[in-house]
N, C-alpha and C. Protein backbone atom coordinates (compact mmCIF):
# COMPACT_ATOMS: atom_id res chain seq x y z
N MET A 1 -14.27 -7.48 18.24
CA MET A 1 -13.59 -6.78 17.18
C MET A 1 -12.14 -6.49 17.55
N GLN A 2 -11.91 -6.10 18.78
CA GLN A 2 -10.56 -5.78 19.21
C GLN A 2 -9.67 -7.01 19.21
N SER A 3 -10.18 -8.13 19.68
CA SER A 3 -9.34 -9.33 19.73
C SER A 3 -8.94 -9.79 18.33
N ASN A 4 -9.85 -9.66 17.36
CA ASN A 4 -9.55 -10.02 15.99
C ASN A 4 -8.42 -9.15 15.44
N TYR A 5 -8.45 -7.87 15.76
CA TYR A 5 -7.40 -6.95 15.30
C TYR A 5 -6.05 -7.35 15.88
N LYS A 6 -6.02 -7.70 17.15
CA LYS A 6 -4.75 -8.08 17.78
C LYS A 6 -4.20 -9.37 17.18
N GLU A 7 -5.08 -10.33 16.93
CA GLU A 7 -4.62 -11.59 16.33
C GLU A 7 -4.03 -11.35 14.95
N ARG A 8 -4.68 -10.51 14.18
CA ARG A 8 -4.19 -10.23 12.84
C ARG A 8 -2.86 -9.49 12.90
N ARG A 9 -2.72 -8.60 13.85
CA ARG A 9 -1.50 -7.83 13.99
C ARG A 9 -0.32 -8.73 14.33
N PHE A 10 -0.51 -9.69 15.20
CA PHE A 10 0.58 -10.56 15.59
C PHE A 10 0.96 -11.57 14.52
N LYS A 11 0.06 -11.85 13.61
CA LYS A 11 0.38 -12.78 12.54
C LYS A 11 1.42 -12.19 11.59
N THR A 12 1.45 -10.87 11.47
CA THR A 12 2.35 -10.24 10.53
C THR A 12 3.70 -9.89 11.15
N MET A 13 3.91 -10.20 12.41
CA MET A 13 5.17 -9.88 13.07
C MET A 13 6.28 -10.78 12.54
N LEU A 14 7.37 -10.19 12.14
CA LEU A 14 8.50 -10.93 11.60
C LEU A 14 9.56 -11.11 12.68
N ILE A 15 10.10 -12.30 12.73
CA ILE A 15 11.18 -12.59 13.66
C ILE A 15 12.37 -13.05 12.85
N ILE A 16 13.47 -12.32 12.98
CA ILE A 16 14.70 -12.64 12.27
C ILE A 16 15.76 -12.98 13.30
N PRO A 17 16.07 -14.25 13.46
CA PRO A 17 17.13 -14.61 14.43
C PRO A 17 18.49 -14.19 13.89
N ILE A 18 19.27 -13.50 14.71
CA ILE A 18 20.59 -13.06 14.32
C ILE A 18 21.61 -14.04 14.88
N LYS A 19 22.43 -14.57 14.00
CA LYS A 19 23.42 -15.55 14.41
C LYS A 19 24.61 -14.87 15.07
N GLU A 20 25.35 -15.60 15.84
CA GLU A 20 26.51 -15.07 16.55
C GLU A 20 27.55 -14.56 15.55
N GLY A 21 27.94 -13.30 15.70
CA GLY A 21 28.95 -12.71 14.84
C GLY A 21 28.46 -12.33 13.46
N GLU A 22 27.12 -12.32 13.25
CA GLU A 22 26.58 -11.98 11.94
C GLU A 22 26.57 -10.46 11.74
N ASN A 23 26.88 -10.05 10.54
CA ASN A 23 26.89 -8.64 10.20
C ASN A 23 25.46 -8.10 10.20
N ILE A 24 25.27 -6.88 10.73
CA ILE A 24 23.93 -6.31 10.82
C ILE A 24 23.35 -6.03 9.43
N ASP A 25 24.21 -5.70 8.46
CA ASP A 25 23.73 -5.46 7.10
C ASP A 25 23.12 -6.72 6.50
N ARG A 26 23.74 -7.84 6.79
CA ARG A 26 23.24 -9.12 6.28
C ARG A 26 21.88 -9.46 6.92
N ALA A 27 21.77 -9.18 8.21
CA ALA A 27 20.50 -9.44 8.90
C ALA A 27 19.40 -8.52 8.37
N LEU A 28 19.74 -7.26 8.10
CA LEU A 28 18.76 -6.33 7.52
C LEU A 28 18.32 -6.78 6.15
N LYS A 29 19.25 -7.29 5.36
CA LYS A 29 18.92 -7.79 4.04
C LYS A 29 17.93 -8.96 4.14
N ARG A 30 18.16 -9.86 5.10
CA ARG A 30 17.25 -10.99 5.30
C ARG A 30 15.87 -10.49 5.73
N PHE A 31 15.85 -9.47 6.60
CA PHE A 31 14.58 -8.91 7.06
C PHE A 31 13.82 -8.29 5.89
N LYS A 32 14.49 -7.50 5.06
CA LYS A 32 13.84 -6.84 3.93
C LYS A 32 13.27 -7.87 2.96
N ARG A 33 14.03 -8.93 2.69
CA ARG A 33 13.57 -9.96 1.78
C ARG A 33 12.32 -10.66 2.34
N LYS A 34 12.35 -10.96 3.63
CA LYS A 34 11.22 -11.63 4.25
C LYS A 34 9.99 -10.70 4.28
N PHE A 35 10.24 -9.42 4.54
CA PHE A 35 9.15 -8.43 4.57
C PHE A 35 8.50 -8.30 3.20
N ASP A 36 9.30 -8.29 2.14
CA ASP A 36 8.76 -8.19 0.79
C ASP A 36 7.90 -9.41 0.45
N ARG A 37 8.29 -10.56 0.91
CA ARG A 37 7.54 -11.79 0.61
C ARG A 37 6.20 -11.84 1.31
N THR A 38 6.06 -11.16 2.44
CA THR A 38 4.79 -11.20 3.16
C THR A 38 3.71 -10.40 2.46
N GLY A 39 4.09 -9.40 1.67
CA GLY A 39 3.11 -8.59 0.96
C GLY A 39 2.45 -7.54 1.83
N THR A 40 3.05 -7.24 2.98
CA THR A 40 2.47 -6.28 3.91
C THR A 40 2.42 -4.88 3.30
N LYS A 41 3.50 -4.48 2.66
CA LYS A 41 3.56 -3.14 2.08
C LYS A 41 2.52 -2.98 0.98
N ARG A 42 2.37 -3.99 0.15
CA ARG A 42 1.39 -3.93 -0.94
C ARG A 42 -0.02 -3.83 -0.38
N SER A 43 -0.33 -4.60 0.67
CA SER A 43 -1.68 -4.55 1.23
C SER A 43 -1.95 -3.20 1.88
N LEU A 44 -0.93 -2.60 2.50
CA LEU A 44 -1.12 -1.27 3.08
C LEU A 44 -1.38 -0.24 2.00
N GLN A 45 -0.69 -0.34 0.89
CA GLN A 45 -0.90 0.61 -0.19
C GLN A 45 -2.29 0.47 -0.79
N THR A 46 -2.79 -0.75 -0.90
CA THR A 46 -4.13 -0.94 -1.46
C THR A 46 -5.21 -0.44 -0.51
N ARG A 47 -4.97 -0.54 0.80
CA ARG A 47 -5.96 -0.07 1.77
C ARG A 47 -5.88 1.43 2.00
N LYS A 48 -4.84 2.06 1.47
CA LYS A 48 -4.65 3.49 1.69
C LYS A 48 -5.77 4.30 1.07
N GLN A 49 -6.24 3.88 -0.08
CA GLN A 49 -7.34 4.58 -0.73
C GLN A 49 -8.33 3.58 -1.31
N PHE A 50 -9.56 4.01 -1.44
CA PHE A 50 -10.62 3.15 -1.93
C PHE A 50 -10.58 3.07 -3.46
N THR A 51 -10.70 1.85 -3.97
CA THR A 51 -10.83 1.68 -5.42
C THR A 51 -12.19 1.04 -5.69
N LYS A 52 -12.87 1.57 -6.69
CA LYS A 52 -14.20 1.08 -7.02
C LYS A 52 -14.11 -0.37 -7.52
N PRO A 53 -15.15 -1.16 -7.26
CA PRO A 53 -15.15 -2.55 -7.72
C PRO A 53 -15.01 -2.67 -9.23
N SER A 54 -15.57 -1.73 -9.98
CA SER A 54 -15.46 -1.80 -11.44
C SER A 54 -14.01 -1.59 -11.88
N VAL A 55 -13.28 -0.74 -11.18
CA VAL A 55 -11.87 -0.50 -11.51
C VAL A 55 -11.04 -1.73 -11.19
N LYS A 56 -11.35 -2.37 -10.05
CA LYS A 56 -10.64 -3.60 -9.68
C LYS A 56 -10.88 -4.69 -10.73
N ARG A 57 -12.14 -4.82 -11.12
CA ARG A 57 -12.49 -5.85 -12.10
C ARG A 57 -11.79 -5.60 -13.44
N ARG A 58 -11.75 -4.34 -13.85
CA ARG A 58 -11.10 -3.99 -15.11
C ARG A 58 -9.60 -4.31 -15.04
N ALA A 59 -8.97 -4.02 -13.90
CA ALA A 59 -7.54 -4.32 -13.74
C ALA A 59 -7.29 -5.83 -13.78
N GLU A 60 -8.18 -6.60 -13.15
CA GLU A 60 -8.04 -8.05 -13.18
C GLU A 60 -8.17 -8.60 -14.60
N ILE A 61 -9.12 -8.06 -15.36
CA ILE A 61 -9.32 -8.50 -16.74
C ILE A 61 -8.11 -8.16 -17.59
N GLN A 62 -7.57 -6.96 -17.41
CA GLN A 62 -6.39 -6.56 -18.17
C GLN A 62 -5.19 -7.44 -17.83
N LYS A 63 -5.05 -7.78 -16.55
CA LYS A 63 -3.95 -8.65 -16.14
C LYS A 63 -4.11 -10.04 -16.75
N ALA A 64 -5.34 -10.55 -16.75
CA ALA A 64 -5.60 -11.87 -17.34
C ALA A 64 -5.32 -11.86 -18.83
N GLN A 65 -5.69 -10.77 -19.51
CA GLN A 65 -5.43 -10.67 -20.94
C GLN A 65 -3.93 -10.63 -21.22
N TYR A 66 -3.19 -9.92 -20.39
CA TYR A 66 -1.75 -9.83 -20.55
C TYR A 66 -1.09 -11.20 -20.37
N ILE A 67 -1.49 -11.91 -19.33
CA ILE A 67 -0.92 -13.24 -19.06
C ILE A 67 -1.29 -14.21 -20.18
N GLN A 68 -2.52 -14.14 -20.65
CA GLN A 68 -2.94 -15.01 -21.74
C GLN A 68 -2.15 -14.72 -23.00
N GLY A 69 -1.89 -13.45 -23.27
CA GLY A 69 -1.07 -13.08 -24.42
C GLY A 69 0.34 -13.63 -24.32
N LEU A 70 0.91 -13.61 -23.11
CA LEU A 70 2.24 -14.18 -22.92
C LEU A 70 2.23 -15.69 -23.17
N ARG A 71 1.19 -16.35 -22.67
CA ARG A 71 1.10 -17.81 -22.85
C ARG A 71 0.91 -18.16 -24.33
N ASP A 72 0.09 -17.36 -25.04
CA ASP A 72 -0.13 -17.62 -26.45
C ASP A 72 1.16 -17.41 -27.25
N ALA A 73 1.92 -16.37 -26.90
CA ALA A 73 3.18 -16.11 -27.59
C ALA A 73 4.20 -17.20 -27.30
N GLU A 74 4.13 -17.78 -26.11
CA GLU A 74 5.06 -18.85 -25.74
C GLU A 74 4.75 -20.12 -26.51
N ASN A 75 3.48 -20.37 -26.77
CA ASN A 75 3.06 -21.60 -27.46
C ASN A 75 3.33 -21.55 -28.96
N LEU A 76 3.52 -20.37 -29.50
CA LEU A 76 3.73 -20.25 -30.95
C LEU A 76 5.08 -20.72 -31.36
């Protein structure tokens, strides 16, 4: 169990190489963009509290209905 946790932890580590003479603000911006793309923050927020399976299913159905409505409106 412990080794699995360590492997998972290292997979999410971000490495941002800083180029010679690069502004730190620019490097931070690259880091933030890369961090947002990994979805780490979203997964932490979802694990923060338990959501019932019925609530998850209802949210998925509502999302699918919304997307389908957008596609139907686009086809008209």
